[in-house]
N, C-alpha and C. Protein backbone atom coordinates (compact mmCIF):
# COMPACT_ATOMS: atom_id res chain seq x y z
N MET A 1 -101.59 89.66 -33.76
CA MET A 1 -100.79 89.78 -34.95
C MET A 1 -100.41 91.25 -35.14
N GLY A 2 -99.18 91.53 -35.47
CA GLY A 2 -98.72 92.89 -35.61
C GLY A 2 -98.80 93.45 -37.02
N PHE A 3 -99.46 92.73 -37.91
CA PHE A 3 -99.59 93.21 -39.29
C PHE A 3 -100.95 92.82 -39.83
N SER A 4 -101.32 93.43 -40.96
CA SER A 4 -102.53 93.02 -41.66
C SER A 4 -102.36 93.32 -43.14
N VAL A 5 -102.93 92.48 -43.97
CA VAL A 5 -102.93 92.70 -45.41
C VAL A 5 -103.98 93.76 -45.69
N LEU A 6 -103.61 94.82 -46.40
CA LEU A 6 -104.52 95.94 -46.61
C LEU A 6 -105.37 95.81 -47.87
N HIS A 7 -104.76 95.52 -48.98
CA HIS A 7 -105.49 95.38 -50.24
C HIS A 7 -104.55 94.83 -51.30
N ILE A 8 -105.11 94.47 -52.42
CA ILE A 8 -104.29 94.01 -53.54
C ILE A 8 -103.76 95.24 -54.27
N ASP A 9 -102.46 95.29 -54.45
CA ASP A 9 -101.81 96.37 -55.18
C ASP A 9 -101.88 96.10 -56.68
N HIS A 10 -101.55 94.87 -57.07
CA HIS A 10 -101.63 94.49 -58.48
C HIS A 10 -101.74 92.98 -58.59
N VAL A 11 -102.20 92.55 -59.75
CA VAL A 11 -102.17 91.14 -60.12
C VAL A 11 -101.38 91.06 -61.41
N GLN A 12 -100.83 89.89 -61.67
CA GLN A 12 -100.08 89.70 -62.90
C GLN A 12 -100.63 88.51 -63.65
N VAL A 13 -100.77 88.68 -64.95
CA VAL A 13 -101.09 87.59 -65.85
C VAL A 13 -99.89 87.45 -66.78
N ALA A 14 -99.75 86.29 -67.38
CA ALA A 14 -98.61 86.03 -68.23
C ALA A 14 -98.99 86.12 -69.70
N ALA A 15 -97.98 86.37 -70.52
CA ALA A 15 -98.14 86.41 -71.98
C ALA A 15 -96.84 85.92 -72.61
N PRO A 16 -96.92 85.46 -73.84
CA PRO A 16 -95.68 85.10 -74.54
C PRO A 16 -94.88 86.36 -74.91
N ALA A 17 -93.62 86.19 -75.15
CA ALA A 17 -92.75 87.31 -75.52
C ALA A 17 -93.23 87.96 -76.83
N GLY A 18 -93.06 89.27 -76.91
CA GLY A 18 -93.37 89.99 -78.14
C GLY A 18 -94.83 90.30 -78.37
N LYS A 19 -95.67 90.14 -77.37
CA LYS A 19 -97.13 90.33 -77.53
C LYS A 19 -97.64 91.59 -76.83
N GLU A 20 -96.77 92.56 -76.62
CA GLU A 20 -97.17 93.78 -75.92
C GLU A 20 -98.29 94.52 -76.66
N ALA A 21 -98.23 94.58 -77.99
CA ALA A 21 -99.27 95.29 -78.75
C ALA A 21 -100.64 94.65 -78.54
N ALA A 22 -100.70 93.33 -78.50
CA ALA A 22 -101.97 92.64 -78.25
C ALA A 22 -102.46 92.92 -76.84
N ALA A 23 -101.54 92.98 -75.88
CA ALA A 23 -101.93 93.29 -74.49
C ALA A 23 -102.49 94.71 -74.41
N ILE A 24 -101.84 95.66 -75.07
CA ILE A 24 -102.31 97.05 -75.04
C ILE A 24 -103.67 97.17 -75.71
N LYS A 25 -103.85 96.51 -76.84
CA LYS A 25 -105.15 96.57 -77.52
C LYS A 25 -106.25 96.03 -76.61
N PHE A 26 -106.02 94.88 -75.99
CA PHE A 26 -107.05 94.25 -75.18
C PHE A 26 -107.30 95.02 -73.88
N TYR A 27 -106.26 95.22 -73.10
CA TYR A 27 -106.46 95.79 -71.76
C TYR A 27 -106.73 97.29 -71.78
N ALA A 28 -106.10 98.02 -72.70
CA ALA A 28 -106.32 99.47 -72.76
C ALA A 28 -107.47 99.83 -73.70
N GLU A 29 -107.40 99.39 -74.94
CA GLU A 29 -108.42 99.80 -75.92
C GLU A 29 -109.77 99.14 -75.65
N ILE A 30 -109.79 97.85 -75.43
CA ILE A 30 -111.07 97.15 -75.26
C ILE A 30 -111.61 97.29 -73.84
N LEU A 31 -110.77 97.05 -72.83
CA LEU A 31 -111.24 97.10 -71.44
C LEU A 31 -111.16 98.49 -70.82
N GLY A 32 -110.46 99.41 -71.46
CA GLY A 32 -110.41 100.78 -70.98
C GLY A 32 -109.48 101.03 -69.80
N MET A 33 -108.56 100.12 -69.55
CA MET A 33 -107.57 100.35 -68.50
C MET A 33 -106.54 101.35 -69.02
N GLN A 34 -105.88 102.04 -68.11
CA GLN A 34 -104.87 103.05 -68.46
C GLN A 34 -103.50 102.37 -68.53
N GLU A 35 -102.83 102.47 -69.67
CA GLU A 35 -101.48 101.93 -69.74
C GLU A 35 -100.56 102.76 -68.84
N ILE A 36 -99.72 102.06 -68.09
CA ILE A 36 -98.76 102.69 -67.18
C ILE A 36 -97.36 102.40 -67.70
N GLU A 37 -96.52 103.41 -67.71
CA GLU A 37 -95.13 103.19 -68.12
C GLU A 37 -94.42 102.37 -67.05
N LYS A 38 -93.75 101.33 -67.50
CA LYS A 38 -93.00 100.48 -66.58
C LYS A 38 -91.75 101.21 -66.11
N PRO A 39 -91.27 100.91 -64.91
CA PRO A 39 -90.00 101.48 -64.47
C PRO A 39 -88.87 101.11 -65.44
N GLU A 40 -87.94 102.01 -65.62
CA GLU A 40 -86.84 101.82 -66.57
C GLU A 40 -86.13 100.48 -66.36
N ALA A 41 -85.89 100.12 -65.11
CA ALA A 41 -85.17 98.89 -64.80
C ALA A 41 -85.91 97.63 -65.24
N LEU A 42 -87.24 97.74 -65.47
CA LEU A 42 -88.04 96.56 -65.84
C LEU A 42 -88.44 96.53 -67.31
N LYS A 43 -88.23 97.59 -68.04
CA LYS A 43 -88.66 97.67 -69.44
C LYS A 43 -88.07 96.56 -70.30
N GLY A 44 -86.84 96.18 -70.05
CA GLY A 44 -86.18 95.16 -70.85
C GLY A 44 -86.78 93.78 -70.71
N ARG A 45 -87.61 93.58 -69.72
CA ARG A 45 -88.25 92.27 -69.50
C ARG A 45 -89.46 92.06 -70.39
N GLY A 46 -89.92 93.13 -71.05
CA GLY A 46 -91.12 93.03 -71.87
C GLY A 46 -92.38 93.12 -71.03
N GLY A 47 -93.52 92.92 -71.67
CA GLY A 47 -94.79 93.00 -70.98
C GLY A 47 -95.32 94.42 -70.95
N ALA A 48 -96.41 94.62 -70.25
CA ALA A 48 -97.05 95.94 -70.16
C ALA A 48 -97.82 96.01 -68.84
N TRP A 49 -97.96 97.24 -68.32
CA TRP A 49 -98.68 97.47 -67.08
C TRP A 49 -99.88 98.36 -67.34
N PHE A 50 -100.94 98.13 -66.55
CA PHE A 50 -102.19 98.87 -66.70
C PHE A 50 -102.74 99.23 -65.33
N GLY A 51 -103.40 100.38 -65.24
CA GLY A 51 -104.02 100.80 -64.00
C GLY A 51 -105.51 100.97 -64.15
N PHE A 52 -106.23 100.77 -63.05
CA PHE A 52 -107.69 100.93 -63.01
C PHE A 52 -108.11 101.02 -61.56
N GLY A 53 -108.93 101.99 -61.23
CA GLY A 53 -109.52 102.09 -59.89
C GLY A 53 -108.56 101.97 -58.73
N GLY A 54 -107.34 102.44 -58.86
CA GLY A 54 -106.39 102.37 -57.76
C GLY A 54 -105.57 101.08 -57.71
N GLN A 55 -105.82 100.16 -58.59
CA GLN A 55 -105.05 98.92 -58.65
C GLN A 55 -104.33 98.85 -59.99
N GLN A 56 -103.53 97.80 -60.13
CA GLN A 56 -102.82 97.60 -61.38
C GLN A 56 -102.93 96.15 -61.82
N LEU A 57 -102.84 95.97 -63.12
CA LEU A 57 -102.71 94.65 -63.73
C LEU A 57 -101.42 94.68 -64.53
N HIS A 58 -100.55 93.71 -64.29
CA HIS A 58 -99.29 93.61 -65.01
C HIS A 58 -99.37 92.42 -65.94
N VAL A 59 -99.00 92.62 -67.17
CA VAL A 59 -98.87 91.53 -68.13
C VAL A 59 -97.38 91.27 -68.24
N GLY A 60 -96.96 90.12 -67.73
CA GLY A 60 -95.54 89.78 -67.72
C GLY A 60 -95.22 88.69 -68.72
N VAL A 61 -94.02 88.75 -69.27
CA VAL A 61 -93.56 87.74 -70.23
C VAL A 61 -93.13 86.50 -69.47
N GLU A 62 -93.60 85.36 -69.95
CA GLU A 62 -93.24 84.08 -69.35
C GLU A 62 -92.91 83.11 -70.46
N GLU A 63 -91.72 82.55 -70.41
CA GLU A 63 -91.29 81.55 -71.38
C GLU A 63 -90.74 80.35 -70.64
N PRO A 64 -91.18 79.15 -70.92
CA PRO A 64 -92.27 78.88 -71.86
C PRO A 64 -93.59 79.39 -71.29
N PHE A 65 -94.45 79.79 -72.19
CA PHE A 65 -95.73 80.37 -71.80
C PHE A 65 -96.81 79.30 -71.68
N SER A 66 -97.62 79.45 -70.64
CA SER A 66 -98.79 78.60 -70.45
C SER A 66 -99.88 79.47 -69.83
N PRO A 67 -101.02 79.65 -70.51
CA PRO A 67 -102.06 80.53 -69.97
C PRO A 67 -102.71 79.97 -68.71
N ALA A 68 -103.22 80.87 -67.88
CA ALA A 68 -103.96 80.49 -66.68
C ALA A 68 -105.42 80.29 -67.07
N LYS A 69 -105.82 79.06 -67.27
CA LYS A 69 -107.18 78.77 -67.73
C LYS A 69 -108.18 78.62 -66.58
N LYS A 70 -107.69 78.39 -65.36
CA LYS A 70 -108.57 78.25 -64.20
C LYS A 70 -108.34 79.40 -63.22
N ALA A 71 -107.10 79.58 -62.78
CA ALA A 71 -106.77 80.69 -61.88
C ALA A 71 -107.04 81.99 -62.63
N HIS A 72 -107.55 83.01 -61.92
CA HIS A 72 -107.93 84.24 -62.63
C HIS A 72 -108.12 85.40 -61.68
N PRO A 73 -107.90 86.61 -62.18
CA PRO A 73 -108.34 87.79 -61.42
C PRO A 73 -109.82 88.03 -61.70
N ALA A 74 -110.49 88.65 -60.76
CA ALA A 74 -111.91 89.00 -60.92
C ALA A 74 -112.04 90.50 -60.73
N PHE A 75 -112.78 91.14 -61.63
CA PHE A 75 -112.93 92.59 -61.63
C PHE A 75 -114.41 92.95 -61.46
N ARG A 76 -114.71 93.75 -60.46
CA ARG A 76 -116.06 94.31 -60.32
C ARG A 76 -116.12 95.53 -61.22
N VAL A 77 -117.17 95.63 -62.04
CA VAL A 77 -117.24 96.71 -63.02
C VAL A 77 -118.53 97.51 -62.90
N ALA A 78 -118.42 98.79 -63.23
CA ALA A 78 -119.59 99.64 -63.44
C ALA A 78 -119.87 99.54 -64.94
N GLY A 79 -121.13 99.54 -65.33
CA GLY A 79 -121.47 99.41 -66.74
C GLY A 79 -121.30 97.98 -67.22
N TYR A 80 -121.75 97.05 -66.42
CA TYR A 80 -121.61 95.61 -66.69
C TYR A 80 -122.11 95.23 -68.08
N ASP A 81 -123.33 95.64 -68.41
CA ASP A 81 -123.90 95.29 -69.71
C ASP A 81 -123.18 96.01 -70.85
N GLU A 82 -122.75 97.24 -70.60
CA GLU A 82 -122.00 97.98 -71.60
C GLU A 82 -120.67 97.31 -71.89
N LEU A 83 -120.04 96.73 -70.87
CA LEU A 83 -118.79 96.00 -71.09
C LEU A 83 -119.03 94.79 -71.97
N LYS A 84 -120.11 94.06 -71.72
CA LYS A 84 -120.41 92.91 -72.57
C LYS A 84 -120.62 93.36 -74.02
N ASP A 85 -121.30 94.49 -74.22
CA ASP A 85 -121.49 95.03 -75.57
C ASP A 85 -120.14 95.38 -76.21
N GLN A 86 -119.28 96.02 -75.43
CA GLN A 86 -117.95 96.41 -75.92
C GLN A 86 -117.15 95.18 -76.35
N LEU A 87 -117.16 94.16 -75.52
CA LEU A 87 -116.45 92.93 -75.85
C LEU A 87 -117.00 92.32 -77.13
N SER A 88 -118.32 92.28 -77.25
CA SER A 88 -118.94 91.73 -78.46
C SER A 88 -118.55 92.51 -79.71
N ARG A 89 -118.52 93.85 -79.60
CA ARG A 89 -118.12 94.68 -80.75
C ARG A 89 -116.72 94.33 -81.24
N TYR A 90 -115.85 93.94 -80.33
CA TYR A 90 -114.48 93.60 -80.69
C TYR A 90 -114.31 92.10 -80.97
N GLY A 91 -115.40 91.36 -80.97
CA GLY A 91 -115.33 89.94 -81.26
C GLY A 91 -114.79 89.09 -80.12
N VAL A 92 -114.83 89.63 -78.91
CA VAL A 92 -114.36 88.88 -77.74
C VAL A 92 -115.55 88.14 -77.15
N GLU A 93 -115.46 86.82 -77.13
CA GLU A 93 -116.56 86.02 -76.59
C GLU A 93 -116.54 86.04 -75.07
N TRP A 94 -117.72 86.13 -74.48
CA TRP A 94 -117.87 86.08 -73.03
C TRP A 94 -118.89 85.01 -72.69
N GLN A 95 -118.72 84.44 -71.52
CA GLN A 95 -119.59 83.35 -71.07
C GLN A 95 -120.15 83.68 -69.70
N GLU A 96 -121.48 83.86 -69.63
CA GLU A 96 -122.11 84.12 -68.33
C GLU A 96 -122.03 82.87 -67.48
N ASP A 97 -122.00 83.09 -66.17
CA ASP A 97 -121.94 82.00 -65.21
C ASP A 97 -122.91 82.30 -64.08
N SER A 98 -123.85 81.41 -63.84
CA SER A 98 -124.86 81.62 -62.80
C SER A 98 -124.71 80.60 -61.67
N SER A 99 -123.51 80.07 -61.49
CA SER A 99 -123.33 79.01 -60.50
C SER A 99 -123.35 79.51 -59.06
N ILE A 100 -123.22 80.82 -58.83
CA ILE A 100 -123.29 81.37 -57.48
C ILE A 100 -124.59 82.17 -57.38
N PRO A 101 -125.56 81.71 -56.58
CA PRO A 101 -126.83 82.42 -56.49
C PRO A 101 -126.64 83.89 -56.10
N GLY A 102 -127.32 84.78 -56.81
CA GLY A 102 -127.29 86.19 -56.51
C GLY A 102 -126.08 86.94 -57.05
N VAL A 103 -125.20 86.26 -57.77
CA VAL A 103 -124.00 86.90 -58.32
C VAL A 103 -124.09 86.89 -59.84
N GLU A 104 -124.03 88.09 -60.43
CA GLU A 104 -123.98 88.19 -61.88
C GLU A 104 -122.53 88.33 -62.29
N ARG A 105 -122.08 87.40 -63.13
CA ARG A 105 -120.70 87.42 -63.57
C ARG A 105 -120.56 86.73 -64.91
N PHE A 106 -119.46 87.06 -65.57
CA PHE A 106 -119.11 86.37 -66.80
C PHE A 106 -117.61 86.24 -66.89
N PHE A 107 -117.18 85.33 -67.76
CA PHE A 107 -115.76 85.07 -67.96
C PHE A 107 -115.40 85.35 -69.41
N VAL A 108 -114.16 85.79 -69.61
CA VAL A 108 -113.58 85.94 -70.94
C VAL A 108 -112.15 85.40 -70.85
N PHE A 109 -111.55 85.21 -72.01
CA PHE A 109 -110.14 84.88 -72.09
C PHE A 109 -109.44 86.02 -72.80
N ASP A 110 -108.32 86.46 -72.26
CA ASP A 110 -107.56 87.51 -72.92
C ASP A 110 -106.91 86.94 -74.19
N PRO A 111 -106.21 87.75 -74.98
CA PRO A 111 -105.64 87.24 -76.24
C PRO A 111 -104.65 86.11 -76.06
N PHE A 112 -104.20 85.88 -74.84
CA PHE A 112 -103.19 84.86 -74.58
C PHE A 112 -103.78 83.60 -73.95
N GLY A 113 -105.11 83.62 -73.70
CA GLY A 113 -105.78 82.46 -73.13
C GLY A 113 -105.94 82.50 -71.62
N ASN A 114 -105.59 83.62 -70.99
CA ASN A 114 -105.78 83.76 -69.54
C ASN A 114 -107.24 84.06 -69.23
N ARG A 115 -107.77 83.38 -68.24
CA ARG A 115 -109.16 83.55 -67.83
C ARG A 115 -109.31 84.81 -66.98
N LEU A 116 -110.36 85.60 -67.25
CA LEU A 116 -110.68 86.80 -66.50
C LEU A 116 -112.16 86.76 -66.12
N GLU A 117 -112.48 87.19 -64.92
CA GLU A 117 -113.87 87.23 -64.45
C GLU A 117 -114.28 88.67 -64.26
N PHE A 118 -115.52 88.98 -64.64
CA PHE A 118 -116.11 90.31 -64.45
C PHE A 118 -117.43 90.16 -63.71
N LEU A 119 -117.60 90.95 -62.65
CA LEU A 119 -118.81 90.89 -61.81
C LEU A 119 -119.54 92.20 -61.83
N LYS A 120 -120.87 92.10 -61.74
CA LYS A 120 -121.74 93.28 -61.70
C LYS A 120 -121.68 93.91 -60.33
């Protein structure tokens, strides 16, 4: 094969139109991701972009909107327990999952109902 996939550049989750402030509060303020300015040509589409650890998460507007309740991005985090504390302080419920032996992880839903996984 003359090619290989190197890494994930970004993942995208969907949100309803007009919810950029909620995306910024959740992904930047609560999760600590860095908001990235979208390219000028894409600003009119709505949504918001965030960076973390060399990757990006894009929140894109989708109409009609339907949250991803099963499909999800998974994020390995430093400060796993501190993140759970942070989420609790903001009233974001998290659910631990022990279905994979030896893997510590939990799930949350973003303000739009998209499922997110966090691993220790």
